[in-house]
Amino acid sequence: MEKTGCAVVGGGPAGMMLGLLLARAGVQVTVLEKHADFLRDFRGDTVHPSTVRLIDELGLGQEFRQLPQSRLKSVVFPVPDGPPVTMGDFDALPSPYNYIAMMPQWDFLNFLARAAAEEPGFTLLMSHSATALMRDGGRVRGVRLRTPDGAQADLQADLVVATDGRHSVLRAAAGLAPKEFPVPFDTWWFRLPRHPNEAGEVAGLVPAFGPGEALVGLTRTDYYQMGYLAPKGTDARIRAEGVEGFRRRIAALRPDLADRVDAIRSLDDLHWLDVRLDRLQSWHINGLLCIGDAAHAMSPAGGVGINLAVQDAVAAAELLAPALLRGRVSAADLRRVERRRRPPTVVVQTAQRLMHRAVFGPIMAGKRTKFPAAALFVARRVPAVRRIIPRLIGFGPRPEHAPAFARRVGSAPQPQP
């Protein structure tokens, strides 16, 4: 039977960051990723200022800035009867952390994997999926997994950390059930081509609203990443309308893009996200800790899910590394992680619930076809709002810093190019 200090199940942003940090502490850590690579479309691809700062603290800023990326500097809402309204201006944040880096998630994960691979205690097992927990005397002792050839194997560990997302296999195996909060919409992601001569700031965000639906467009270098929002539970109806019906919906919401909706060749081009907002009442049992989406699934409202998951990983690494080096992680150690990360999670999810109730709920119910006028008025008339919103989105209510054991020479903040 193989043995490791910490088995991290799930190679997303939280899992890869946790693996890197623990390895730098000298912990033997094994990250299990069920896919053969990280290449999956329409995963969250926002790297927030707090994470960019963390990367600098780890001494990896120069390599990070060489990755293909664009920068989101502001959130601007078009208004039919007036000039666009800037809801948030990231330039108000201190440089060099005054933007959100937009990059494919697989580039970010491969970047973390390369950095972690330099640590002797780090192991990344691709195409390995956890299928069950191993228990002994009321304590989780490891995971049972499926190898690339379909065989079963056991991995013993002093601690198992579930970072396997909102549909966490390990969370279910532990009998941990989340409390769910109502969400009024689901999202269908797809791409539309962008012509080279088209205006629009790369990484810019353009929303559009209609009765019972909304559309969000993110400007990329050579395409638009589009998110269509409709009431939860309508996936079957949308698919019954066929691709022509969906094209008509998009053309009506964004007439300026109507000339290219034929790029949606079939409904197979749509990536449906079952939006959830939930939170575990307890994030751990003896020998197992859940963090990231496994502990608290986030709404895409505000785009903060990755940021929160990475902050969970940083706190977990700092608080648990000493116990892992001793070879014994207690329930009290796991409680300390939850106590630190639960409050910011509650704050962010409360803000998302308010957004659902005030903005998305009325739009999905057909009671409103535009962003609330009061919010636009405040954004126009109160400049402080344009500074507060980026701070909340970019850093969150409790940003974490790299533990001292994980910092490397050259970790000073990089000047903005």
Protein backbone atom coordinates (compact mmCIF):
# COMPACT_ATOMS: atom_id res chain seq x y z
CA MET A 1 0.00 0.00 0.00
CA GLU A 2 1.33 3.44 -0.95
CA LYS A 3 1.55 6.09 1.77
CA THR A 4 1.72 9.88 1.76
CA GLY A 5 1.48 12.64 4.32
CA CYS A 6 -1.45 14.43 2.71
CA ALA A 7 -3.68 13.14 -0.09
CA VAL A 8 -5.30 16.04 -1.97
CA VAL A 9 -8.18 14.85 -4.14
CA GLY A 10 -8.90 17.20 -7.02
CA GLY A 11 -6.40 19.09 -9.18
CA GLY A 12 -8.25 22.39 -9.42
CA PRO A 13 -6.91 25.75 -8.17
CA ALA A 14 -7.40 24.88 -4.48
CA GLY A 15 -5.88 21.40 -4.79
CA MET A 16 -2.85 22.48 -6.82
CA MET A 17 -2.14 25.49 -4.61
CA LEU A 18 -2.44 23.37 -1.46
CA GLY A 19 -0.13 20.74 -2.93
CA LEU A 20 2.49 23.35 -3.82
CA LEU A 21 2.40 25.03 -0.41
CA LEU A 22 2.53 21.82 1.62
CA ALA A 23 5.39 20.49 -0.50
CA ARG A 24 7.33 23.67 0.20
CA ALA A 25 6.78 23.03 3.90
CA GLY A 26 8.46 19.65 3.51
CA VAL A 27 5.26 17.59 3.68
CA GLN A 28 4.93 14.51 1.50
CA VAL A 29 1.84 15.40 -0.54
CA THR A 30 0.06 13.57 -3.36
CA VAL A 31 -2.49 15.33 -5.57
CA LEU A 32 -4.97 13.10 -7.41
CA GLU A 33 -6.60 14.43 -10.58
CA LYS A 34 -9.17 12.24 -12.31
CA HIS A 35 -8.57 13.65 -15.81
CA ALA A 36 -5.53 13.07 -18.00
CA ASP A 37 -4.91 16.81 -18.37
CA PHE A 38 -6.30 20.18 -17.29
CA LEU A 39 -7.80 21.07 -20.69
CA ARG A 40 -11.45 21.81 -20.00
CA ASP A 41 -13.38 24.76 -21.42
CA PHE A 42 -15.36 27.29 -19.43
CA ARG A 43 -13.81 26.65 -16.07
CA GLY A 44 -13.31 29.79 -14.03
CA ASP A 45 -10.37 31.69 -15.49
CA THR A 46 -10.09 34.73 -13.23
CA VAL A 47 -6.94 35.17 -11.16
CA HIS A 48 -7.72 37.85 -8.60
CA PRO A 49 -5.34 40.47 -7.16
CA SER A 50 -5.02 38.58 -3.88
CA THR A 51 -3.88 35.50 -5.82
CA VAL A 52 -1.47 37.52 -7.98
CA ARG A 53 0.00 38.95 -4.77
CA LEU A 54 0.29 35.43 -3.35
CA ILE A 55 2.14 34.30 -6.48
CA ASP A 56 4.61 37.15 -6.04
CA GLU A 57 5.12 36.14 -2.41
CA LEU A 58 5.94 32.63 -3.62
CA GLY A 59 8.63 34.04 -5.91
CA LEU A 60 6.76 33.01 -9.07
CA GLY A 61 5.61 36.41 -10.31
CA GLN A 62 7.92 36.68 -13.29
CA GLU A 63 6.89 33.33 -14.76
CA PHE A 64 3.23 34.02 -14.05
CA ARG A 65 3.30 37.31 -15.95
CA GLN A 66 4.80 35.56 -18.97
CA LEU A 67 1.70 33.36 -19.32
CA PRO A 68 -0.83 34.42 -21.98
CA GLN A 69 -3.38 36.59 -20.21
CA SER A 70 -5.46 39.71 -20.46
CA ARG A 71 -6.34 42.15 -17.72
CA LEU A 72 -9.77 43.12 -16.49
CA LYS A 73 -9.44 46.69 -15.27
CA SER A 74 -13.07 47.69 -14.82
CA VAL A 75 -16.66 46.47 -14.81
CA VAL A 76 -18.76 48.66 -17.10
CA PHE A 77 -22.51 48.37 -17.63
CA PRO A 78 -24.02 49.74 -20.85
CA VAL A 79 -27.12 51.86 -20.30
CA PRO A 80 -29.58 52.28 -23.20
CA ASP A 81 -30.56 55.85 -22.26
CA GLY A 82 -27.14 57.21 -21.32
CA PRO A 83 -23.40 56.71 -21.17
CA PRO A 84 -21.98 53.44 -19.78
CA VAL A 85 -21.70 53.22 -16.01
CA THR A 86 -18.49 52.01 -14.36
CA MET A 87 -19.51 49.76 -11.48
CA GLY A 88 -15.96 48.96 -10.41
CA ASP A 89 -12.58 50.43 -11.30
CA PHE A 90 -9.68 48.12 -10.43
CA ASP A 91 -7.21 50.92 -11.13
CA ALA A 92 -8.29 52.25 -7.73
CA LEU A 93 -6.42 49.33 -6.13
CA PRO A 94 -2.71 49.69 -5.29
CA SER A 95 -0.38 48.77 -8.15
CA PRO A 96 0.74 46.17 -9.14
CA TYR A 97 -2.43 44.42 -7.93
CA ASN A 98 -4.94 46.62 -9.71
CA TYR A 99 -6.41 44.15 -12.19
CA ILE A 100 -7.90 40.68 -12.53
CA ALA A 101 -5.78 38.42 -14.72
CA MET A 102 -7.90 36.52 -17.24
CA MET A 103 -6.31 33.31 -18.49
CA PRO A 104 -7.41 29.79 -19.38
CA GLN A 105 -7.57 27.78 -16.17
CA TRP A 106 -5.45 25.00 -17.67
CA ASP A 107 -2.56 27.46 -18.12
CA PHE A 108 -2.82 28.48 -14.47
CA LEU A 109 -2.99 24.87 -13.26
CA ASN A 110 -0.06 23.77 -15.41
CA PHE A 111 1.89 26.73 -14.03
CA LEU A 112 1.21 25.60 -10.45
CA ALA A 113 2.03 21.99 -11.36
CA ARG A 114 5.43 22.99 -12.78
CA ALA A 115 6.27 24.95 -9.64
CA ALA A 116 5.17 22.11 -7.36
CA ALA A 117 7.11 19.52 -9.38
CA GLU A 118 10.34 21.23 -8.27
CA GLU A 119 9.63 20.17 -4.68
CA PRO A 120 10.90 16.68 -3.78
CA GLY A 121 7.88 15.82 -1.66
CA PHE A 122 5.26 16.58 -4.34
CA THR A 123 3.55 13.93 -6.47
CA LEU A 124 0.82 14.59 -9.05
CA LEU A 125 -1.13 11.54 -10.25
CA MET A 126 -3.18 12.31 -13.35
CA SER A 127 -6.00 9.98 -14.45
CA HIS A 128 -6.39 8.81 -10.84
CA SER A 129 -9.85 9.16 -9.32
CA ALA A 130 -10.78 8.68 -5.69
CA THR A 131 -13.70 6.29 -5.27
CA ALA A 132 -14.00 5.84 -1.49
CA LEU A 133 -12.52 6.70 1.86
CA MET A 134 -10.38 4.26 3.86
CA ARG A 135 -11.32 4.21 7.55
CA ASP A 136 -9.88 2.66 10.65
CA GLY A 137 -11.21 3.13 14.15
CA GLY A 138 -13.48 6.03 13.25
CA ARG A 139 -10.73 7.94 11.45
CA VAL A 140 -10.14 8.45 7.74
CA ARG A 141 -6.80 6.82 6.91
CA GLY A 142 -6.61 7.40 3.17
CA VAL A 143 -8.46 6.96 -0.12
CA ARG A 144 -9.31 4.11 -2.41
CA LEU A 145 -8.67 5.08 -6.00
CA ARG A 146 -8.99 3.95 -9.59
CA THR A 147 -5.77 3.99 -11.65
CA PRO A 148 -5.52 4.85 -15.37
CA ASP A 149 -5.80 1.16 -16.33
CA GLY A 150 -8.97 0.74 -14.27
CA ALA A 151 -7.35 -1.12 -11.40
CA GLN A 152 -8.14 -0.38 -7.75
CA ALA A 153 -5.44 0.87 -5.39
CA ASP A 154 -5.20 2.26 -1.88
CA LEU A 155 -3.35 5.39 -0.79
CA GLN A 156 -2.79 5.73 2.93
CA ALA A 157 -2.49 9.29 4.26
CA ASP A 158 -2.22 11.16 7.55
CA LEU A 159 -4.81 13.59 6.14
CA VAL A 160 -7.15 13.60 3.17
CA VAL A 161 -8.25 16.94 1.74
CA ALA A 162 -11.24 17.02 -0.60
CA THR A 163 -10.86 19.67 -3.28
CA ASP A 164 -12.99 17.76 -5.78
CA GLY A 165 -15.63 20.40 -6.39
CA ARG A 166 -19.32 20.94 -5.85
CA HIS A 167 -20.10 17.31 -6.71
CA SER A 168 -17.46 16.03 -4.30
CA VAL A 169 -17.25 12.23 -4.13
CA LEU A 170 -15.40 12.36 -0.83
CA ARG A 171 -17.85 14.77 0.77
CA ALA A 172 -20.66 12.37 -0.01
CA ALA A 173 -18.61 9.40 1.19
CA ALA A 174 -18.06 11.18 4.50
CA GLY A 175 -21.78 11.79 4.92
CA LEU A 176 -21.33 15.58 4.87
CA ALA A 177 -24.42 17.25 3.40
CA PRO A 178 -24.38 20.95 2.50
CA LYS A 179 -27.06 23.49 3.27
CA GLU A 180 -28.35 24.77 -0.05
CA PHE A 181 -29.50 28.31 -0.78
CA PRO A 182 -31.93 29.16 -3.59
CA VAL A 183 -30.41 30.17 -6.93
CA PRO A 184 -32.68 31.69 -9.59
CA PHE A 185 -30.64 30.85 -12.70
CA ASP A 186 -28.39 28.44 -14.54
CA THR A 187 -25.73 29.41 -17.08
CA TRP A 188 -24.93 28.16 -20.58
CA TRP A 189 -21.40 29.02 -21.72
CA PHE A 190 -20.33 29.24 -25.38
CA ARG A 191 -18.06 31.20 -27.71
CA LEU A 192 -18.64 33.63 -30.54
CA PRO A 193 -15.89 34.84 -32.90
CA ARG A 194 -14.41 38.30 -32.50
CA HIS A 195 -13.18 40.12 -35.59
CA PRO A 196 -9.67 41.64 -35.43
CA ASN A 197 -10.91 45.19 -36.10
CA GLU A 198 -13.61 45.19 -33.43
CA ALA A 199 -13.34 47.67 -30.61
CA GLY A 200 -13.66 46.75 -26.96
CA GLU A 201 -11.13 46.35 -24.21
CA VAL A 202 -9.81 42.82 -23.97
CA ALA A 203 -11.18 41.32 -20.73
CA GLY A 204 -14.03 43.80 -20.79
CA LEU A 205 -17.39 42.67 -19.43
CA VAL A 206 -20.65 43.51 -21.22
CA PRO A 207 -24.02 42.39 -19.78
CA ALA A 208 -27.39 42.45 -21.55
CA PHE A 209 -30.81 41.82 -20.05
CA GLY A 210 -34.17 40.67 -21.36
CA PRO A 211 -37.44 39.46 -19.83
CA GLY A 212 -36.57 36.23 -18.02
CA GLU A 213 -33.02 36.02 -19.36
CA ALA A 214 -29.62 37.72 -19.42
CA LEU A 215 -26.38 37.48 -21.35
CA VAL A 216 -22.85 38.24 -20.20
CA GLY A 217 -20.07 38.75 -22.73
CA LEU A 218 -16.38 38.64 -21.84
CA THR A 219 -14.09 40.08 -24.51
CA ARG A 220 -11.14 37.85 -25.33
CA THR A 221 -8.33 38.50 -27.80
CA ASP A 222 -9.95 36.64 -30.71
CA TYR A 223 -13.37 35.57 -29.39
CA TYR A 224 -16.17 36.48 -27.02
CA GLN A 225 -16.86 34.17 -24.10
CA MET A 226 -20.61 34.31 -23.62
CA GLY A 227 -22.70 33.25 -20.65
CA TYR A 228 -26.45 32.94 -21.20
CA LEU A 229 -28.53 33.04 -17.99
CA ALA A 230 -32.06 31.64 -17.81
CA PRO A 231 -34.31 30.48 -14.95
CA LYS A 232 -33.14 27.36 -13.16
CA GLY A 233 -34.78 24.23 -14.49
CA THR A 234 -35.19 25.43 -18.08
CA ASP A 235 -32.38 23.42 -19.69
CA ALA A 236 -34.81 20.88 -21.18
CA ARG A 237 -37.01 23.64 -22.65
CA ILE A 238 -34.05 25.48 -24.15
CA ARG A 239 -32.76 22.31 -25.76
CA ALA A 240 -36.24 21.45 -27.04
CA GLU A 241 -36.24 24.75 -28.97
CA GLY A 242 -33.15 23.61 -30.86
CA VAL A 243 -30.10 25.52 -31.98
CA GLU A 244 -32.11 27.95 -34.13
CA GLY A 245 -34.20 28.97 -31.15
CA PHE A 246 -31.08 29.53 -29.05
CA ARG A 247 -29.48 31.60 -31.80
CA ARG A 248 -32.57 33.82 -31.90
CA ARG A 249 -32.33 34.36 -28.15
CA ILE A 250 -28.71 35.49 -28.39
CA ALA A 251 -29.31 37.73 -31.42
CA ALA A 252 -32.19 39.46 -29.62
CA LEU A 253 -30.09 40.15 -26.54
CA ARG A 254 -27.00 41.26 -28.48
CA PRO A 255 -28.04 42.55 -31.93
CA ASP A 256 -24.44 43.65 -32.52
CA LEU A 257 -23.41 39.98 -32.50
CA ALA A 258 -26.35 38.67 -34.55
CA ASP A 259 -24.13 38.30 -37.64
CA ARG A 260 -22.15 35.47 -36.03
CA VAL A 261 -24.61 33.37 -34.04
CA ASP A 262 -24.27 30.70 -36.74
CA ALA A 263 -20.95 29.91 -35.05
CA ILE A 264 -23.13 28.02 -32.55
CA ARG A 265 -23.21 24.94 -34.74
CA SER A 266 -25.32 22.80 -32.42
CA LEU A 267 -26.46 22.65 -28.83
CA ASP A 268 -23.38 20.52 -28.16
CA ASP A 269 -21.46 23.81 -28.27
CA LEU A 270 -23.24 24.89 -25.10
CA HIS A 271 -21.70 24.05 -21.72
CA TRP A 272 -24.44 24.00 -19.10
CA LEU A 273 -23.54 25.00 -15.54
CA ASP A 274 -25.96 23.91 -12.86
CA VAL A 275 -25.42 26.94 -10.63
CA ARG A 276 -25.37 26.12 -6.94
CA LEU A 277 -24.86 28.06 -3.75
CA ASP A 278 -24.31 25.88 -0.70
CA ARG A 279 -22.14 25.46 2.37
CA LEU A 280 -21.26 22.55 4.61
CA GLN A 281 -22.31 22.92 8.23
CA SER A 282 -19.10 21.09 9.17
CA TRP A 283 -16.16 21.01 6.79
CA HIS A 284 -14.41 18.00 8.30
CA ILE A 285 -14.53 14.64 9.98
CA ASN A 286 -11.60 12.95 11.71
CA GLY A 287 -8.87 12.65 9.06
CA LEU A 288 -10.73 14.49 6.26
CA LEU A 289 -11.06 18.20 5.42
CA CYS A 290 -13.15 19.78 2.65
CA ILE A 291 -12.16 23.15 1.16
CA GLY A 292 -13.07 25.16 -1.93
CA ASP A 293 -16.24 24.16 -3.77
CA ALA A 294 -16.29 20.86 -1.86
CA ALA A 295 -17.02 22.91 1.27
CA HIS A 296 -18.92 25.82 -0.28
CA ALA A 297 -20.19 25.94 -3.85
CA MET A 298 -20.27 29.54 -5.08
CA SER A 299 -22.50 31.34 -7.55
CA PRO A 300 -20.69 32.87 -10.56
CA ALA A 301 -22.05 36.26 -9.40
CA GLY A 302 -18.93 38.34 -8.83
CA GLY A 303 -16.62 35.63 -10.19
CA VAL A 304 -15.01 35.02 -6.80
CA GLY A 305 -15.15 31.22 -6.50
CA ILE A 306 -11.53 30.56 -7.52
CA ASN A 307 -10.26 33.36 -5.30
CA LEU A 308 -12.06 31.97 -2.25
CA ALA A 309 -10.86 28.41 -2.94
CA VAL A 310 -7.22 29.52 -3.24
CA GLN A 311 -7.51 31.45 0.04
CA ASP A 312 -8.85 28.27 1.69
CA ALA A 313 -5.80 26.39 0.44
CA VAL A 314 -3.38 28.99 1.81
CA ALA A 315 -4.98 28.97 5.25
CA ALA A 316 -5.09 25.15 5.31
CA ALA A 317 -1.42 24.89 4.38
CA GLU A 318 -0.28 27.34 7.04
CA LEU A 319 -2.40 25.87 9.83
CA LEU A 320 -1.88 22.19 9.01
CA ALA A 321 1.74 21.94 7.86
CA PRO A 322 3.19 21.64 11.40
CA ALA A 323 0.77 18.85 12.32
CA LEU A 324 1.43 17.03 9.05
CA LEU A 325 5.16 17.21 9.64
CA ARG A 326 4.53 15.57 13.03
CA GLY A 327 2.46 12.88 11.30
CA ARG A 328 -0.68 13.50 13.34
CA VAL A 329 -3.49 15.89 12.40
CA SER A 330 -6.14 16.29 15.07
CA ALA A 331 -9.76 17.31 14.77
CA ALA A 332 -8.81 20.53 16.55
CA ASP A 333 -6.35 21.31 13.75
CA LEU A 334 -9.11 20.90 11.16
CA ARG A 335 -11.48 23.06 13.19
CA ARG A 336 -8.94 25.87 13.13
CA VAL A 337 -8.99 25.89 9.33
CA GLU A 338 -12.78 25.97 9.25
CA ARG A 339 -12.97 28.70 11.89
CA ARG A 340 -10.64 30.89 9.86
CA ARG A 341 -12.28 30.38 6.46
CA ARG A 342 -15.96 30.10 7.35
CA PRO A 343 -16.50 33.84 8.14
CA PRO A 344 -15.25 35.14 4.74
CA THR A 345 -17.24 32.41 3.03
CA VAL A 346 -20.41 33.50 4.81
CA VAL A 347 -19.78 37.15 3.92
CA VAL A 348 -19.25 36.41 0.22
CA GLN A 349 -22.20 34.03 -0.03
CA THR A 350 -24.44 36.54 1.74
CA ALA A 351 -23.46 39.15 -0.84
CA GLN A 352 -24.22 36.67 -3.63
CA ARG A 353 -27.62 35.85 -2.12
CA LEU A 354 -28.43 39.56 -2.01
CA MET A 355 -27.45 39.89 -5.67
CA HIS A 356 -29.66 36.93 -6.53
CA ARG A 357 -32.59 38.46 -4.68
CA ALA A 358 -32.19 42.05 -5.88
CA VAL A 359 -30.94 41.59 -9.44
CA PHE A 360 -31.09 38.09 -10.91
CA GLY A 361 -34.31 36.93 -9.27
CA PRO A 362 -36.48 39.75 -10.67
CA ILE A 363 -34.83 39.43 -14.10
CA MET A 364 -35.39 35.68 -14.25
CA ALA A 365 -39.01 36.19 -13.15
CA GLY A 366 -39.54 38.67 -16.00
CA LYS A 367 -40.17 41.56 -13.60
CA ARG A 368 -37.14 43.52 -14.71
CA THR A 369 -35.19 43.84 -17.96
CA LYS A 370 -32.27 45.97 -16.83
CA PHE A 371 -29.88 46.47 -13.98
CA PRO A 372 -31.51 48.20 -11.00
CA ALA A 373 -31.63 51.97 -11.56
CA ALA A 374 -30.80 52.67 -7.92
CA ALA A 375 -27.52 50.73 -8.18
CA LEU A 376 -26.58 52.57 -11.37
CA PHE A 377 -27.40 55.93 -9.72
CA VAL A 378 -25.19 55.13 -6.73
CA ALA A 379 -22.34 54.00 -9.02
CA ARG A 380 -22.58 57.27 -10.95
CA ARG A 381 -22.88 59.59 -7.96
CA VAL A 382 -20.75 57.91 -5.27
CA PRO A 383 -17.14 57.44 -6.47
CA ALA A 384 -16.26 55.45 -3.33
CA VAL A 385 -18.45 52.60 -4.58
CA ARG A 386 -16.18 52.18 -7.59
CA ARG A 387 -13.29 51.65 -5.17
CA ILE A 388 -15.08 49.43 -2.66
CA ILE A 389 -16.45 46.92 -5.19
CA PRO A 390 -13.01 46.11 -6.71
CA ARG A 391 -11.58 45.71 -3.21
CA LEU A 392 -14.30 43.23 -2.26
CA ILE A 393 -14.02 41.30 -5.53
CA GLY A 394 -10.24 41.43 -5.82
CA PHE A 395 -9.20 40.63 -2.26
CA GLY A 396 -12.31 39.53 -0.39
CA PRO A 397 -13.06 39.96 3.30
CA ARG A 398 -10.05 37.96 4.59
CA PRO A 399 -7.22 37.67 2.06
CA GLU A 400 -4.41 35.29 2.96
CA HIS A 401 -0.66 35.72 2.54
CA ALA A 402 1.88 33.05 1.66
CA PRO A 403 3.20 31.22 4.73
CA ALA A 404 6.80 32.03 5.61
CA PHE A 405 7.87 28.44 4.81
CA ALA A 406 6.58 28.76 1.23
CA ARG A 407 8.26 32.04 0.29
CA ARG A 408 11.29 32.07 -1.96
CA VAL A 409 13.99 34.54 -2.91
CA GLY A 410 12.68 36.98 -5.47
CA SER A 411 9.23 37.09 -3.95
CA ALA A 412 9.02 40.88 -3.80
CA PRO A 413 6.07 42.37 -5.71
CA GLN A 414 6.77 42.76 -9.39
CA PRO A 415 6.38 46.22 -10.97
CA GLN A 416 3.45 46.54 -13.34
CA PRO A 417 4.68 46.42 -16.96
